[in-house]
Structure formats: C-alpha cells, structure tokens
Amino acid sequence: MRCTDSDEGREIVRPLDPWPHSEAGRFHRAIALLLVAVSGLVIVVELVRHHRPVELAALALALGVVCFAGRWLLRAHPADFPAAT
C-alpha cells in the first residue's frame, strides 16, 4: 500500500522556528516578569506594615534582590525577537 508519492516517506518541508524566536519564549518571559512584579508588590506592602529597623532592613534587602532579578530579566537577556510580519 502506497501512502505517499515520495520514496523516502513523508517529511516536513517547512522549518520550525528556533526556541528564542517562538511565542513560547515571550510567554515564559511575561510569566517570569509577572511573578517578579507580584513579589515586589508583596514586599512593598510588608514595608508599609512593619516598622522595626531590623524588619525594614530585611525587606529592603529582599526588595533589592527583586529589583535586580527584574532588571536581569529585562536587560541582561534581551528578547531578540524578529519584527512581526
């Protein structure tokens, strides 16, 4: 029984996009940035609720880590996505 015209069988002739250029990369970046933003919001709310110097120092350190992570996600690894067609 012949299922195809080719002697080698069926093959994909359209190349698939590599991972950084696919929509999955954009989705994962957006989810990661959303989680960083929510954690920053939680820390800011806790800064308003707690007023002892030790607590403020610990929360300020945590907020610094969150800001660093957000900057790293945005700047250190640019998306390099091709222009939309």
PDB file of N, CA and C in Angstrom:
ATOM      1  N   MET A   1       0.837  -1.174   0.000  1.00  0.00           N
ATOM      2  CA  MET A   1       0.000   0.000   0.000  1.00  0.00           C
ATOM      3  C   MET A   1       0.882   1.238   0.000  1.00  0.00           C
ATOM      4  N   ARG A   2       0.594   2.144  -0.915  1.00  0.00           N
ATOM      5  CA  ARG A   2       1.404   3.366  -1.021  1.00  0.00           C
ATOM      6  C   ARG A   2       0.648   4.521  -0.387  1.00  0.00           C
ATOM      7  N   CYS A   3       1.280   5.172   0.618  1.00  0.00           N
ATOM      8  CA  CYS A   3       0.658   6.286   1.336  1.00  0.00           C
ATOM      9  C   CYS A   3       1.194   7.635   0.897  1.00  0.00           C
ATOM     10  N   THR A   4       2.296   7.648   0.130  1.00  0.00           N
ATOM     11  CA  THR A   4       2.911   8.915  -0.257  1.00  0.00           C
ATOM     12  C   THR A   4       3.531   8.784  -1.631  1.00  0.00           C
ATOM     13  N   ASP A   5       3.796   9.936  -2.243  1.00  0.00           N
ATOM     14  CA  ASP A   5       4.426   9.944  -3.564  1.00  0.00           C
ATOM     15  C   ASP A   5       5.939   9.791  -3.463  1.00  0.00           C
ATOM     16  N   SER A   6       6.514  10.081  -2.298  1.00  0.00           N
ATOM     17  CA  SER A   6       7.957  10.077  -2.118  1.00  0.00           C
ATOM     18  C   SER A   6       8.463   8.674  -1.801  1.00  0.00           C
ATOM     19  N   ASP A   7       9.700   8.381  -2.234  1.00  0.00           N
ATOM     20  CA  ASP A   7      10.321   7.095  -1.924  1.00  0.00           C
ATOM     21  C   ASP A   7      10.861   7.055  -0.497  1.00  0.00           C
ATOM     22  N   GLU A   8      11.135   8.249   0.096  1.00  0.00           N
ATOM     23  CA  GLU A   8      11.665   8.320   1.461  1.00  0.00           C
ATOM     24  C   GLU A   8      10.571   8.448   2.502  1.00  0.00           C
ATOM     25  N   GLY A   9       9.350   8.509   2.155  1.00  0.00           N
ATOM     26  CA  GLY A   9       8.267   8.683   3.101  1.00  0.00           C
ATOM     27  C   GLY A   9       7.912  10.155   3.267  1.00  0.00           C
ATOM     28  N   ARG A  10       7.127  10.427   4.257  1.00  0.00           N
ATOM     29  CA  ARG A  10       6.692  11.801   4.494  1.00  0.00           C
ATOM     30  C   ARG A  10       7.784  12.584   5.195  1.00  0.00           C
ATOM     31  N   GLU A  11       7.852  13.874   4.908  1.00  0.00           N
ATOM     32  CA  GLU A  11       8.843  14.733   5.538  1.00  0.00           C
ATOM     33  C   GLU A  11       8.281  16.138   5.720  1.00  0.00           C
ATOM     34  N   ILE A  12       8.791  16.834   6.726  1.00  0.00           N
ATOM     35  CA  ILE A  12       8.388  18.221   6.966  1.00  0.00           C
ATOM     36  C   ILE A  12       9.277  19.106   6.106  1.00  0.00           C
ATOM     37  N   VAL A  13       8.662  19.915   5.284  1.00  0.00           N
ATOM     38  CA  VAL A  13       9.451  20.767   4.394  1.00  0.00           C
ATOM     39  C   VAL A  13       9.519  22.206   4.889  1.00  0.00           C
ATOM     40  N   ARG A  14       8.698  22.570   5.849  1.00  0.00           N
ATOM     41  CA  ARG A  14       8.713  23.919   6.412  1.00  0.00           C
ATOM     42  C   ARG A  14       9.531  23.909   7.696  1.00  0.00           C
ATOM     43  N   PRO A  15      10.630  24.692   7.785  1.00  0.00           N
ATOM     44  CA  PRO A  15      11.435  24.667   9.013  1.00  0.00           C
ATOM     45  C   PRO A  15      10.675  25.310  10.167  1.00  0.00           C
ATOM     46  N   LEU A  16      10.829  24.718  11.339  1.00  0.00           N
ATOM     47  CA  LEU A  16      10.201  25.268  12.528  1.00  0.00           C
ATOM     48  C   LEU A  16      11.077  26.384  13.085  1.00  0.00           C
ATOM     49  N   ASP A  17      10.452  27.360  13.760  1.00  0.00           N
ATOM     50  CA  ASP A  17      11.195  28.456  14.360  1.00  0.00           C
ATOM     51  C   ASP A  17      12.031  27.944  15.525  1.00  0.00           C
ATOM     52  N   PRO A  18      13.241  28.464  15.675  1.00  0.00           N
ATOM     53  CA  PRO A  18      14.017  28.088  16.857  1.00  0.00           C
ATOM     54  C   PRO A  18      13.378  28.669  18.113  1.00  0.00           C
ATOM     55  N   TRP A  19      13.719  28.118  19.288  1.00  0.00           N
ATOM     56  CA  TRP A  19      13.050  28.492  20.528  1.00  0.00           C
ATOM     57  C   TRP A  19      13.061  29.990  20.817  1.00  0.00           C
ATOM     58  N   PRO A  20      14.176  30.712  20.730  1.00  0.00           N
ATOM     59  CA  PRO A  20      14.105  32.134  21.123  1.00  0.00           C
ATOM     60  C   PRO A  20      13.177  32.959  20.237  1.00  0.00           C
ATOM     61  N   HIS A  21      12.908  32.497  19.069  1.00  0.00           N
ATOM     62  CA  HIS A  21      12.052  33.258  18.159  1.00  0.00           C
ATOM     63  C   HIS A  21      10.599  32.799  18.194  1.00  0.00           C
ATOM     64  N   SER A  22      10.297  31.873  19.047  1.00  0.00           N
ATOM     65  CA  SER A  22       8.927  31.378  19.098  1.00  0.00           C
ATOM     66  C   SER A  22       8.118  32.140  20.135  1.00  0.00           C
ATOM     67  N   GLU A  23       6.854  31.947  20.128  1.00  0.00           N
ATOM     68  CA  GLU A  23       5.964  32.596  21.091  1.00  0.00           C
ATOM     69  C   GLU A  23       6.147  32.032  22.495  1.00  0.00           C
ATOM     70  N   ALA A  24       6.670  30.832  22.619  1.00  0.00           N
ATOM     71  CA  ALA A  24       6.879  30.242  23.947  1.00  0.00           C
ATOM     72  C   ALA A  24       7.869  31.070  24.756  1.00  0.00           C
ATOM     73  N   GLY A  25       8.884  31.584  24.121  1.00  0.00           N
ATOM     74  CA  GLY A  25       9.854  32.419  24.814  1.00  0.00           C
ATOM     75  C   GLY A  25       9.231  33.690  25.355  1.00  0.00           C
ATOM     76  N   ARG A  26       8.381  34.316  24.572  1.00  0.00           N
ATOM     77  CA  ARG A  26       7.684  35.524  25.024  1.00  0.00           C
ATOM     78  C   ARG A  26       6.759  35.210  26.189  1.00  0.00           C
ATOM     79  N   PHE A  27       6.074  34.101  26.124  1.00  0.00           N
ATOM     80  CA  PHE A  27       5.155  33.711  27.185  1.00  0.00           C
ATOM     81  C   PHE A  27       5.898  33.474  28.497  1.00  0.00           C
ATOM     82  N   HIS A  28       7.004  32.745  28.451  1.00  0.00           N
ATOM     83  CA  HIS A  28       7.761  32.452  29.655  1.00  0.00           C
ATOM     84  C   HIS A  28       8.365  33.715  30.256  1.00  0.00           C
ATOM     85  N   ARG A  29       8.823  34.630  29.418  1.00  0.00           N
ATOM     86  CA  ARG A  29       9.363  35.892  29.917  1.00  0.00           C
ATOM     87  C   ARG A  29       8.270  36.707  30.603  1.00  0.00           C
ATOM     88  N   ALA A  30       7.089  36.749  30.026  1.00  0.00           N
ATOM     89  CA  ALA A  30       5.987  37.507  30.629  1.00  0.00           C
ATOM     90  C   ALA A  30       5.580  36.902  31.973  1.00  0.00           C
ATOM     91  N   ILE A  31       5.533  35.587  32.070  1.00  0.00           N
ATOM     92  CA  ILE A  31       5.192  34.932  33.332  1.00  0.00           C
ATOM     93  C   ILE A  31       6.259  35.230  34.386  1.00  0.00           C
ATOM     94  N   ALA A  32       7.529  35.163  34.013  1.00  0.00           N
ATOM     95  CA  ALA A  32       8.605  35.438  34.967  1.00  0.00           C
ATOM     96  C   ALA A  32       8.546  36.889  35.450  1.00  0.00           C
ATOM     97  N   LEU A  33       8.311  37.826  34.555  1.00  0.00           N
ATOM     98  CA  LEU A  33       8.214  39.235  34.955  1.00  0.00           C
ATOM     99  C   LEU A  33       6.998  39.478  35.835  1.00  0.00           C
ATOM    100  N   LEU A  34       5.906  38.800  35.552  1.00  0.00           N
ATOM    101  CA  LEU A  34       4.716  38.932  36.392  1.00  0.00           C
ATOM    102  C   LEU A  34       4.987  38.446  37.813  1.00  0.00           C
ATOM    103  N   LEU A  35       5.666  37.326  37.950  1.00  0.00           N
ATOM    104  CA  LEU A  35       5.996  36.808  39.278  1.00  0.00           C
ATOM    105  C   LEU A  35       6.941  37.743  40.028  1.00  0.00           C
ATOM    106  N   VAL A  36       7.901  38.339  39.330  1.00  0.00           N
ATOM    107  CA  VAL A  36       8.804  39.292  39.971  1.00  0.00           C
ATOM    108  C   VAL A  36       8.030  40.523  40.424  1.00  0.00           C
ATOM    109  N   ALA A  37       7.105  41.008  39.596  1.00  0.00           N
ATOM    110  CA  ALA A  37       6.312  42.185  39.965  1.00  0.00           C
ATOM    111  C   ALA A  37       5.412  41.899  41.170  1.00  0.00           C
ATOM    112  N   VAL A  38       4.805  40.734  41.212  1.00  0.00           N
ATOM    113  CA  VAL A  38       3.940  40.386  42.346  1.00  0.00           C
ATOM    114  C   VAL A  38       4.767  40.266  43.625  1.00  0.00           C
ATOM    115  N   SER A  39       5.940  39.672  43.541  1.00  0.00           N
ATOM    116  CA  SER A  39       6.779  39.569  44.739  1.00  0.00           C
ATOM    117  C   SER A  39       7.236  40.946  45.201  1.00  0.00           C
ATOM    118  N   GLY A  40       7.520  41.850  44.276  1.00  0.00           N
ATOM    119  CA  GLY A  40       7.853  43.224  44.656  1.00  0.00           C
ATOM    120  C   GLY A  40       6.690  43.922  45.329  1.00  0.00           C
ATOM    121  N   LEU A  41       5.492  43.703  44.845  1.00  0.00           N
ATOM    122  CA  LEU A  41       4.303  44.296  45.454  1.00  0.00           C
ATOM    123  C   LEU A  41       4.093  43.787  46.880  1.00  0.00           C
ATOM    124  N   VAL A  42       4.281  42.499  47.086  1.00  0.00           N
ATOM    125  CA  VAL A  42       4.144  41.922  48.421  1.00  0.00           C
ATOM    126  C   VAL A  42       5.174  42.540  49.372  1.00  0.00           C
ATOM    127  N   ILE A  43       6.387  42.713  48.918  1.00  0.00           N
ATOM    128  CA  ILE A  43       7.427  43.294  49.765  1.00  0.00           C
ATOM    129  C   ILE A  43       7.114  44.749  50.103  1.00  0.00           C
ATOM    130  N   VAL A  44       6.614  45.513  49.138  1.00  0.00           N
ATOM    131  CA  VAL A  44       6.253  46.905  49.406  1.00  0.00           C
ATOM    132  C   VAL A  44       5.124  46.978  50.428  1.00  0.00           C
ATOM    133  N   VAL A  45       4.141  46.111  50.315  1.00  0.00           N
ATOM    134  CA  VAL A  45       3.049  46.088  51.297  1.00  0.00           C
ATOM    135  C   VAL A  45       3.595  45.758  52.680  1.00  0.00           C
ATOM    136  N   GLU A  46       4.513  44.824  52.765  1.00  0.00           N
ATOM    137  CA  GLU A  46       5.106  44.475  54.054  1.00  0.00           C
ATOM    138  C   GLU A  46       5.974  45.607  54.592  1.00  0.00           C
ATOM    139  N   LEU A  47       6.603  46.392  53.731  1.00  0.00           N
ATOM    140  CA  LEU A  47       7.356  47.560  54.192  1.00  0.00           C
ATOM    141  C   LEU A  47       6.438  48.572  54.876  1.00  0.00           C
ATOM    142  N   VAL A  48       5.217  48.692  54.393  1.00  0.00           N
ATOM    143  CA  VAL A  48       4.255  49.619  54.993  1.00  0.00           C
ATOM    144  C   VAL A  48       3.757  49.068  56.339  1.00  0.00           C
ATOM    145  N   ARG A  49       3.618  47.781  56.464  1.00  0.00           N
ATOM    146  CA  ARG A  49       3.059  47.171  57.676  1.00  0.00           C
ATOM    147  C   ARG A  49       4.057  47.069  58.819  1.00  0.00           C
ATOM    148  N   HIS A  50       5.336  46.875  58.528  1.00  0.00           N
ATOM    149  CA  HIS A  50       6.344  46.638  59.569  1.00  0.00           C
ATOM    150  C   HIS A  50       7.272  47.839  59.667  1.00  0.00           C
ATOM    151  N   HIS A  51       7.570  48.264  60.917  1.00  0.00           N
ATOM    152  CA  HIS A  51       8.339  49.489  61.102  1.00  0.00           C
ATOM    153  C   HIS A  51       9.594  49.314  61.946  1.00  0.00           C
ATOM    154  N   ARG A  52       9.901  48.117  62.409  1.00  0.00           N
ATOM    155  CA  ARG A  52      11.128  47.920  63.170  1.00  0.00           C
ATOM    156  C   ARG A  52      12.326  47.987  62.227  1.00  0.00           C
ATOM    157  N   PRO A  53      13.444  48.539  62.676  1.00  0.00           N
ATOM    158  CA  PRO A  53      14.617  48.689  61.795  1.00  0.00           C
ATOM    159  C   PRO A  53      15.125  47.368  61.215  1.00  0.00           C
ATOM    160  N   VAL A  54      15.126  46.303  62.019  1.00  0.00           N
ATOM    161  CA  VAL A  54      15.612  45.013  61.508  1.00  0.00           C
ATOM    162  C   VAL A  54      14.696  44.495  60.408  1.00  0.00           C
ATOM    163  N   GLU A  55      13.395  44.624  60.594  1.00  0.00           N
ATOM    164  CA  GLU A  55      12.434  44.176  59.571  1.00  0.00           C
ATOM    165  C   GLU A  55      12.566  45.021  58.309  1.00  0.00           C
ATOM    166  N   LEU A  56      12.720  46.333  58.490  1.00  0.00           N
ATOM    167  CA  LEU A  56      12.872  47.216  57.328  1.00  0.00           C
ATOM    168  C   LEU A  56      14.141  46.881  56.547  1.00  0.00           C
ATOM    169  N   ALA A  57      15.219  46.570  57.260  1.00  0.00           N
ATOM    170  CA  ALA A  57      16.467  46.218  56.580  1.00  0.00           C
ATOM    171  C   ALA A  57      16.316  44.913  55.794  1.00  0.00           C
ATOM    172  N   ALA A  58      15.681  43.919  56.401  1.00  0.00           N
ATOM    173  CA  ALA A  58      15.489  42.636  55.714  1.00  0.00           C
ATOM    174  C   ALA A  58      14.594  42.792  54.485  1.00  0.00           C
ATOM    175  N   LEU A  59      13.530  43.576  54.629  1.00  0.00           N
ATOM    176  CA  LEU A  59      12.624  43.778  53.487  1.00  0.00           C
ATOM    177  C   LEU A  59      13.278  44.616  52.399  1.00  0.00           C
ATOM    178  N   ALA A  60      14.096  45.599  52.798  1.00  0.00           N
ATOM    179  CA  ALA A  60      14.806  46.394  51.797  1.00  0.00           C
ATOM    180  C   ALA A  60      15.795  45.535  51.017  1.00  0.00           C
ATOM    181  N   LEU A  61      16.455  44.619  51.712  1.00  0.00           N
ATOM    182  CA  LEU A  61      17.358  43.691  51.027  1.00  0.00           C
ATOM    183  C   LEU A  61      16.592  42.801  50.051  1.00  0.00           C
ATOM    184  N   ALA A  62      15.453  42.299  50.491  1.00  0.00           N
ATOM    185  CA  ALA A  62      14.634  41.456  49.611  1.00  0.00           C
ATOM    186  C   ALA A  62      14.136  42.254  48.403  1.00  0.00           C
ATOM    187  N   LEU A  63      13.765  43.514  48.634  1.00  0.00           N
ATOM    188  CA  LEU A  63      13.310  44.353  47.517  1.00  0.00           C
ATOM    189  C   LEU A  63      14.454  44.615  46.540  1.00  0.00           C
ATOM    190  N   GLY A  64      15.649  44.768  47.054  1.00  0.00           N
ATOM    191  CA  GLY A  64      16.814  44.922  46.175  1.00  0.00           C
ATOM    192  C   GLY A  64      17.048  43.698  45.312  1.00  0.00           C
ATOM    193  N   VAL A  65      16.879  42.527  45.896  1.00  0.00           N
ATOM    194  CA  VAL A  65      17.038  41.283  45.133  1.00  0.00           C
ATOM    195  C   VAL A  65      15.975  41.191  44.045  1.00  0.00           C
ATOM    196  N   VAL A  66      14.745  41.571  44.377  1.00  0.00           N
ATOM    197  CA  VAL A  66      13.652  41.536  43.394  1.00  0.00           C
ATOM    198  C   VAL A  66      13.928  42.525  42.253  1.00  0.00           C
ATOM    199  N   CYS A  67      14.399  43.716  42.596  1.00  0.00           N
ATOM    200  CA  CYS A  67      14.719  44.705  41.561  1.00  0.00           C
ATOM    201  C   CYS A  67      15.845  44.213  40.663  1.00  0.00           C
ATOM    202  N   PHE A  68      16.851  43.582  41.268  1.00  0.00           N
ATOM    203  CA  PHE A  68      17.945  43.017  40.478  1.00  0.00           C
ATOM    204  C   PHE A  68      17.433  41.932  39.538  1.00  0.00           C
ATOM    205  N   ALA A  69      16.559  41.078  40.032  1.00  0.00           N
ATOM    206  CA  ALA A  69      16.014  39.996  39.199  1.00  0.00           C
ATOM    207  C   ALA A  69      15.187  40.564  38.046  1.00  0.00           C
ATOM    208  N   GLY A  70      14.390  41.595  38.330  1.00  0.00           N
ATOM    209  CA  GLY A  70      13.605  42.211  37.264  1.00  0.00           C
ATOM    210  C   GLY A  70      14.482  42.855  36.211  1.00  0.00           C
ATOM    211  N   ARG A  71      15.535  43.537  36.656  1.00  0.00           N
ATOM    212  CA  ARG A  71      16.456  44.167  35.706  1.00  0.00           C
ATOM    213  C   ARG A  71      17.169  43.104  34.884  1.00  0.00           C
ATOM    214  N   TRP A  72      17.553  42.011  35.535  1.00  0.00           N
ATOM    215  CA  TRP A  72      18.237  40.936  34.832  1.00  0.00           C
ATOM    216  C   TRP A  72      17.339  40.327  33.757  1.00  0.00           C
ATOM    217  N   LEU A  73      16.064  40.155  34.078  1.00  0.00           N
ATOM    218  CA  LEU A  73      15.136  39.592  33.088  1.00  0.00           C
ATOM    219  C   LEU A  73      14.928  40.533  31.909  1.00  0.00           C
ATOM    220  N   LEU A  74      14.920  41.836  32.177  1.00  0.00           N
ATOM    221  CA  LEU A  74      14.653  42.802  31.108  1.00  0.00           C
ATOM    222  C   LEU A  74      15.892  43.159  30.293  1.00  0.00           C
ATOM    223  N   ARG A  75      17.033  43.293  30.937  1.00  0.00           N
ATOM    224  CA  ARG A  75      18.209  43.845  30.267  1.00  0.00           C
ATOM    225  C   ARG A  75      19.269  42.821  29.897  1.00  0.00           C
ATOM    226  N   ALA A  76      19.604  41.937  30.803  1.00  0.00           N
ATOM    227  CA  ALA A  76      20.735  41.042  30.572  1.00  0.00           C
ATOM    228  C   ALA A  76      20.453  40.026  29.470  1.00  0.00           C
ATOM    229  N   HIS A  77      19.207  39.692  29.263  1.00  0.00           N
ATOM    230  CA  HIS A  77      18.840  38.728  28.234  1.00  0.00           C
ATOM    231  C   HIS A  77      17.773  39.339  27.335  1.00  0.00           C
ATOM    232  N   PRO A  78      18.171  40.207  26.397  1.00  0.00           N
ATOM    233  CA  PRO A  78      17.149  40.799  25.534  1.00  0.00           C
ATOM    234  C   PRO A  78      16.458  39.736  24.702  1.00  0.00           C
ATOM    235  N   ALA A  79      15.250  40.029  24.340  1.00  0.00           N
ATOM    236  CA  ALA A  79      14.423  39.034  23.650  1.00  0.00           C
ATOM    237  C   ALA A  79      14.958  38.691  22.268  1.00  0.00           C
ATOM    238  N   ASP A  80      15.471  39.672  21.530  1.00  0.00           N
ATOM    239  CA  ASP A  80      15.963  39.456  20.160  1.00  0.00           C
ATOM    240  C   ASP A  80      14.935  38.766  19.275  1.00  0.00           C
ATOM    241  N   PHE A  81      13.688  39.119  19.440  1.00  0.00           N
ATOM    242  CA  PHE A  81      12.658  38.542  18.602  1.00  0.00           C
ATOM    243  C   PHE A  81      12.631  39.251  17.255  1.00  0.00           C
ATOM    244  N   PRO A  82      12.358  38.542  16.204  1.00  0.00           N
ATOM    245  CA  PRO A  82      12.273  39.209  14.902  1.00  0.00           C
ATOM    246  C   PRO A  82      11.053  40.117  14.847  1.00  0.00           C
ATOM    247  N   ALA A  83      11.112  41.083  13.967  1.00  0.00           N
ATOM    248  CA  ALA A  83       9.991  42.016  13.808  1.00  0.00           C
ATOM    249  C   ALA A  83       8.771  41.256  13.311  1.00  0.00           C
ATOM    250  N   ALA A  84       7.615  41.653  13.809  1.00  0.00           N
ATOM    251  CA  ALA A  84       6.366  40.998  13.386  1.00  0.00           C
ATOM    252  C   ALA A  84       6.112  41.289  11.921  1.00  0.00           C
ATOM    253  N   THR A  85       5.655  40.270  11.219  1.00  0.00           N
ATOM    254  CA  THR A  85       5.367  40.457   9.779  1.00  0.00           C
ATOM    255  C   THR A  85       3.886  40.542   9.546  1.00  0.00           C
TER     256      THR A  85
END
